[in-house]
Amino acid sequence: MRHLAWYTLIALSMTFLTASGKKLDNTFYAFNNSVRMPNAPKGMEAQAEMIKKMGFNGLSGHTSEDYFQRRAALDKVGLKMPEIYWGIDMDSIGQISYKQGLKELIKDSKDRDLVAALFFNVKYFMKDKEKGDPLLAKAIGELADYAFAFGVKIAIYPHAGNYCETSDHSVRLARMVNRPNVGAIFNTCHLLKVEGEAGWEEKLLKALPYLYMISINGADTGNTREMNWDRLIRPLGEGSFDTYKLVKLAKDNGYQGLFGLQCYNIQQDFEVALTKSIQTWKSYQKRYKTESRK
């Protein structure tokens, strides 16, 4: 009986430890557009200090600014640059071009867990993606081969109105590229705008094995395809869309990648909007840990 009681105690202890160890511990960072909200601090160092103080794990880079200055400001306060947003153009014969500096920043990011999130301007093949996809995949593969030596990942960013608009297309391109450092992105606000909210759960689960990043924010529900961005991109914690459900579904199914906070064109005060967002994220962490014990 003593042995039985002892084994029972061990089993109960292991169950508790397993449950209590289930955490929402993914990197959660603010998109670069967060620092363009009203009343954001001036200067990259001040911005980095504020993002750090609020409790975010990092801030992304952006093609519109100097990478090296942004990286230095983040390094100074001990923050990550988990992702950088960069545009790619492709001409009618499949040759790509992009703003100078992409390969230099990839080299500088050696072994620093950077994801280069690429959006695509491929106007010649907007109506013929069957022909455009293989050309684009070949070009992405060549860039990925260069990035691989530095431990940098390439992620295909779906964006309304661009060549790649959906998570499904993002996954399809990633699979076509077929490189170990190329993956997809699930972009919540763009999914709502392009496809509507119906069936988002199935789309997330389908994309999950390929995802390097999931962008989240507050948003409204309803006829989202007809909504303006002010209803589809709100601080986390606002709107009727159940963002926690999305986060939980991803995490419950093994997602270990990035969560990025989309802040495009939010017209609230910088500190107010980001404080609300990080507090909501922390409430998600607490809720997830509590629910996982049940």
Protein backbone atom coordinates (compact mmCIF):
# COMPACT_ATOMS: atom_id res chain seq x y z
CA MET A 1 0.00 0.00 0.00
CA ARG A 2 2.88 2.33 0.81
CA HIS A 3 4.40 1.72 -2.63
CA LEU A 4 1.04 2.36 -4.28
CA ALA A 5 0.62 5.62 -2.39
CA TRP A 6 4.16 6.67 -3.33
CA TYR A 7 3.65 5.98 -7.04
CA THR A 8 0.32 7.79 -6.94
CA LEU A 9 2.01 10.81 -5.38
CA ILE A 10 4.72 10.77 -8.06
CA ALA A 11 2.13 10.51 -10.84
CA LEU A 12 0.13 13.41 -9.42
CA SER A 13 3.29 15.49 -9.07
CA MET A 14 4.33 14.80 -12.67
CA THR A 15 0.85 15.73 -13.89
CA PHE A 16 1.02 19.01 -12.00
CA LEU A 17 4.48 19.84 -13.29
CA THR A 18 3.49 19.04 -16.85
CA ALA A 19 0.38 21.19 -16.64
CA SER A 20 2.04 24.06 -14.80
CA GLY A 21 4.85 24.01 -17.36
CA LYS A 22 2.51 24.87 -20.21
CA LYS A 23 3.22 28.51 -20.87
CA LEU A 24 2.52 31.12 -23.50
CA ASP A 25 6.20 32.01 -23.73
CA ASN A 26 6.59 32.86 -27.42
CA THR A 27 8.44 36.02 -28.37
CA PHE A 28 5.93 38.88 -28.48
CA TYR A 29 7.20 42.01 -30.20
CA ALA A 30 5.83 45.26 -31.61
CA PHE A 31 5.77 45.91 -35.33
CA ASN A 32 7.88 48.82 -36.51
CA ASN A 33 4.76 50.83 -37.35
CA SER A 34 4.09 51.09 -33.61
CA VAL A 35 6.69 53.86 -33.36
CA ARG A 36 4.75 55.90 -35.92
CA MET A 37 1.68 56.18 -33.73
CA PRO A 38 0.77 59.60 -32.28
CA ASN A 39 3.10 60.88 -29.55
CA ALA A 40 5.69 58.14 -30.04
CA PRO A 41 9.12 59.05 -28.62
CA LYS A 42 11.47 60.78 -31.00
CA GLY A 43 14.63 58.92 -31.89
CA MET A 44 15.39 55.22 -32.02
CA GLU A 45 17.05 55.03 -28.62
CA ALA A 46 14.06 56.61 -26.86
CA GLN A 47 11.72 54.31 -28.74
CA ALA A 48 13.72 51.24 -27.78
CA GLU A 49 13.80 52.29 -24.14
CA MET A 50 10.01 52.72 -24.06
CA ILE A 51 9.29 49.42 -25.82
CA LYS A 52 11.62 47.70 -23.34
CA LYS A 53 10.02 49.42 -20.36
CA MET A 54 6.56 48.33 -21.44
CA GLY A 55 7.58 44.69 -21.49
CA PHE A 56 7.75 43.74 -25.17
CA ASN A 57 10.42 41.23 -26.22
CA GLY A 58 11.46 43.28 -29.21
CA LEU A 59 10.72 45.69 -32.04
CA SER A 60 10.90 44.89 -35.73
CA GLY A 61 12.99 46.61 -38.35
CA HIS A 62 11.61 48.16 -41.54
CA THR A 63 12.77 48.75 -45.08
CA SER A 64 12.08 52.48 -44.73
CA GLU A 65 14.74 53.11 -42.09
CA ASP A 66 18.39 52.47 -41.32
CA TYR A 67 18.79 48.90 -40.09
CA PHE A 68 22.12 49.44 -38.37
CA GLN A 69 20.91 52.42 -36.34
CA ARG A 70 17.79 50.52 -35.26
CA ARG A 71 19.79 47.42 -34.36
CA ALA A 72 22.24 49.48 -32.28
CA ALA A 73 19.40 51.15 -30.37
CA LEU A 74 17.82 47.80 -29.57
CA ASP A 75 21.12 46.25 -28.57
CA LYS A 76 21.77 49.11 -26.15
CA VAL A 77 18.67 48.29 -24.10
CA GLY A 78 18.87 44.51 -24.57
CA LEU A 79 15.93 44.11 -26.94
CA LYS A 80 15.60 41.75 -29.89
CA MET A 81 14.92 42.52 -33.52
CA PRO A 82 12.93 39.37 -34.22
CA GLU A 83 11.82 40.38 -37.70
CA ILE A 84 12.45 42.92 -40.45
CA TYR A 85 9.94 43.92 -43.12
CA TRP A 86 11.29 44.20 -46.67
CA GLY A 87 9.79 44.61 -50.13
CA ILE A 88 10.70 42.57 -53.20
CA ASP A 89 9.96 43.48 -56.83
CA MET A 90 9.97 41.04 -59.73
CA ASP A 91 10.00 41.93 -63.41
CA SER A 92 8.37 40.16 -66.35
CA ILE A 93 11.21 37.65 -66.76
CA GLY A 94 11.50 36.67 -63.11
CA GLN A 95 14.38 38.91 -62.04
CA ILE A 96 13.96 40.29 -58.53
CA SER A 97 15.16 43.59 -57.12
CA TYR A 98 14.96 45.17 -53.70
CA LYS A 99 16.22 48.13 -51.74
CA GLN A 100 19.97 48.00 -51.27
CA GLY A 101 21.07 46.74 -47.89
CA LEU A 102 19.10 43.52 -47.56
CA LYS A 103 22.11 41.22 -47.95
CA GLU A 104 24.22 43.44 -45.69
CA LEU A 105 21.68 43.28 -42.86
CA ILE A 106 21.31 39.53 -43.31
CA LYS A 107 25.07 39.16 -42.92
CA ASP A 108 25.07 41.41 -39.86
CA SER A 109 22.29 39.32 -38.28
CA LYS A 110 24.32 36.12 -38.21
CA ASP A 111 22.92 33.75 -35.56
CA ARG A 112 20.60 36.42 -34.12
CA ASP A 113 17.31 34.67 -34.92
CA LEU A 114 16.15 37.21 -37.48
CA VAL A 115 13.15 36.56 -39.72
CA ALA A 116 13.13 38.59 -42.94
CA ALA A 117 9.43 39.08 -43.72
CA LEU A 118 9.14 39.69 -47.47
CA PHE A 119 6.21 41.30 -49.24
CA PHE A 120 6.01 41.16 -53.03
CA ASN A 121 5.30 43.58 -55.83
CA VAL A 122 4.87 41.33 -58.87
CA LYS A 123 2.53 43.32 -61.09
CA TYR A 124 3.29 41.37 -64.27
CA PHE A 125 1.85 38.15 -62.85
CA MET A 126 -1.05 39.34 -60.70
CA LYS A 127 -3.49 37.53 -63.02
CA ASP A 128 -1.22 34.60 -63.82
CA LYS A 129 0.16 33.27 -60.55
CA GLU A 130 0.52 29.80 -61.98
CA LYS A 131 3.29 31.24 -64.13
CA GLY A 132 4.54 33.77 -61.60
CA ASP A 133 4.86 31.47 -58.59
CA PRO A 134 7.68 29.25 -59.93
CA LEU A 135 9.68 32.30 -61.01
CA LEU A 136 9.24 33.98 -57.64
CA ALA A 137 9.99 30.76 -55.75
CA LYS A 138 13.24 30.33 -57.65
CA ALA A 139 14.32 33.88 -56.80
CA ILE A 140 13.35 33.51 -53.13
CA GLY A 141 15.30 30.27 -53.01
CA GLU A 142 18.45 32.02 -54.17
CA LEU A 143 18.07 34.67 -51.47
CA ALA A 144 17.32 31.97 -48.88
CA ASP A 145 20.49 30.10 -49.81
CA TYR A 146 22.47 33.24 -49.06
CA ALA A 147 20.60 33.81 -45.77
CA PHE A 148 21.03 30.21 -44.64
CA ALA A 149 24.75 30.67 -44.03
CA PHE A 150 23.93 33.37 -41.47
CA GLY A 151 21.07 31.56 -39.73
CA VAL A 152 18.49 34.04 -41.06
CA LYS A 153 15.00 32.83 -41.95
CA ILE A 154 12.90 34.06 -44.87
CA ALA A 155 9.14 34.38 -44.35
CA ILE A 156 6.55 35.18 -47.00
CA TYR A 157 4.29 38.00 -45.82
CA PRO A 158 0.69 37.99 -47.12
CA HIS A 159 -0.61 41.53 -47.65
CA ALA A 160 -3.92 42.76 -49.09
CA GLY A 161 -3.47 44.10 -52.61
CA ASN A 162 -0.03 42.56 -53.11
CA TYR A 163 0.95 39.50 -55.13
CA CYS A 164 0.67 37.25 -52.06
CA GLU A 165 -2.50 38.11 -50.13
CA THR A 166 -3.38 34.96 -48.18
CA SER A 167 -1.76 32.55 -45.74
CA ASP A 168 -2.57 29.75 -48.15
CA HIS A 169 -0.55 31.44 -50.90
CA SER A 170 2.22 32.17 -48.41
CA VAL A 171 2.39 28.46 -47.56
CA ARG A 172 2.20 27.44 -51.20
CA LEU A 173 5.18 29.63 -52.08
CA ALA A 174 7.16 28.43 -49.07
CA ARG A 175 6.58 24.83 -50.06
CA MET A 176 7.56 25.60 -53.64
CA VAL A 177 10.80 27.26 -52.52
CA ASN A 178 11.57 24.12 -50.51
CA ARG A 179 14.37 25.46 -48.32
CA PRO A 180 14.85 24.70 -44.61
CA ASN A 181 14.91 28.41 -43.75
CA VAL A 182 11.83 29.51 -45.71
CA GLY A 183 8.41 29.67 -44.09
CA ALA A 184 5.07 31.44 -44.06
CA ILE A 185 3.22 34.10 -42.07
CA PHE A 186 -0.35 34.16 -40.78
CA ASN A 187 -1.44 37.79 -40.95
CA THR A 188 -4.67 38.22 -39.00
CA CYS A 189 -5.80 41.66 -40.19
CA HIS A 190 -5.04 40.90 -43.85
CA LEU A 191 -6.87 37.59 -43.63
CA LEU A 192 -9.94 39.40 -42.29
CA LYS A 193 -9.70 42.01 -45.04
CA VAL A 194 -9.05 39.68 -47.98
CA GLU A 195 -10.95 36.52 -47.02
CA GLY A 196 -13.28 37.40 -44.16
CA GLU A 197 -13.41 35.70 -40.77
CA ALA A 198 -15.23 32.51 -41.78
CA GLY A 199 -13.00 29.45 -41.46
CA TRP A 200 -9.95 31.22 -40.04
CA GLU A 201 -9.40 28.32 -37.62
CA GLU A 202 -8.95 25.78 -40.41
CA LYS A 203 -6.69 28.16 -42.32
CA LEU A 204 -4.49 28.68 -39.27
CA LEU A 205 -4.17 24.95 -38.60
CA LYS A 206 -3.34 24.28 -42.25
CA ALA A 207 -0.60 26.91 -42.23
CA LEU A 208 0.77 26.13 -38.77
CA PRO A 209 3.59 23.69 -39.74
CA TYR A 210 5.11 26.38 -41.98
CA LEU A 211 4.65 29.47 -39.82
CA TYR A 212 7.51 31.62 -38.59
CA MET A 213 5.29 34.49 -37.44
CA ILE A 214 1.66 35.22 -36.58
CA SER A 215 0.62 38.87 -36.59
CA ILE A 216 -2.11 39.75 -34.11
CA ASN A 217 -4.07 42.79 -32.99
CA GLY A 218 -7.52 43.75 -31.86
CA ALA A 219 -10.19 43.70 -34.59
CA ASP A 220 -13.93 43.67 -35.12
CA THR A 221 -16.06 40.84 -36.43
CA GLY A 222 -18.79 40.92 -39.06
CA ASN A 223 -18.41 41.74 -42.72
CA THR A 224 -14.69 42.31 -42.32
CA ARG A 225 -13.95 42.37 -46.05
CA GLU A 226 -15.87 45.66 -46.28
CA MET A 227 -14.34 47.21 -43.15
CA ASN A 228 -11.67 49.89 -43.14
CA TRP A 229 -8.33 49.31 -41.42
CA ASP A 230 -9.37 51.31 -38.35
CA ARG A 231 -11.71 48.44 -37.46
CA LEU A 232 -9.37 45.64 -38.53
CA ILE A 233 -6.28 46.97 -36.73
CA ARG A 234 -6.87 48.06 -33.16
CA PRO A 235 -4.83 47.72 -29.96
CA LEU A 236 -4.83 44.21 -28.56
CA GLY A 237 -7.79 43.87 -26.24
CA GLU A 238 -10.14 45.96 -28.36
CA GLY A 239 -12.77 44.72 -30.82
CA SER A 240 -15.04 41.69 -30.94
CA PHE A 241 -12.68 39.30 -32.75
CA ASP A 242 -11.45 36.63 -30.31
CA THR A 243 -7.69 37.07 -30.66
CA TYR A 244 -7.04 34.96 -27.57
CA LYS A 245 -8.78 32.03 -29.25
CA LEU A 246 -6.40 32.39 -32.20
CA VAL A 247 -3.34 32.51 -29.95
CA LYS A 248 -4.53 29.54 -27.92
CA LEU A 249 -5.32 27.46 -31.00
CA ALA A 250 -1.83 28.04 -32.37
CA LYS A 251 -0.13 27.34 -29.06
CA ASP A 252 -2.20 24.24 -28.28
CA ASN A 253 -1.07 22.82 -31.61
CA GLY A 254 2.61 23.26 -30.94
CA TYR A 255 3.37 26.72 -32.36
CA GLN A 256 6.72 28.02 -31.07
CA GLY A 257 7.22 30.92 -33.47
CA LEU A 258 6.85 34.68 -33.17
CA PHE A 259 3.79 36.73 -32.36
CA GLY A 260 4.01 40.24 -33.79
CA LEU A 261 1.76 43.13 -32.77
CA GLN A 262 0.34 44.88 -35.85
CA CYS A 263 -0.13 48.62 -35.22
CA TYR A 264 -0.60 50.08 -38.71
CA ASN A 265 -2.29 53.49 -38.67
CA ILE A 266 -3.64 53.21 -35.13
CA GLN A 267 -4.47 56.78 -34.18
CA GLN A 268 -4.36 56.35 -30.43
CA ASP A 269 -1.60 57.69 -28.23
CA PHE A 270 1.52 55.51 -28.54
CA GLU A 271 1.87 54.79 -24.84
CA VAL A 272 -1.85 54.23 -24.26
CA ALA A 273 -2.26 51.81 -27.19
CA LEU A 274 0.88 49.80 -26.47
CA THR A 275 0.24 49.64 -22.72
CA LYS A 276 -3.23 48.27 -23.42
CA SER A 277 -1.77 45.75 -25.86
CA ILE A 278 0.98 44.45 -23.57
CA GLN A 279 -1.40 44.22 -20.63
CA THR A 280 -3.76 42.18 -22.80
CA TRP A 281 -0.89 39.90 -23.84
CA LYS A 282 0.04 39.37 -20.20
CA SER A 283 -3.60 38.52 -19.44
CA TYR A 284 -3.42 35.94 -22.27
CA GLN A 285 -0.33 34.43 -20.65
CA LYS A 286 -2.02 34.20 -17.27
CA ARG A 287 -5.22 32.82 -18.75
CA TYR A 288 -3.37 30.24 -20.84
CA LYS A 289 -1.36 29.03 -17.87
CA THR A 290 -4.48 28.79 -15.71
CA GLU A 291 -6.53 26.97 -18.34
CA SER A 292 -3.74 24.50 -19.06
CA ARG A 293 -3.89 23.28 -15.46
CA LYS A 294 -7.54 22.26 -15.71
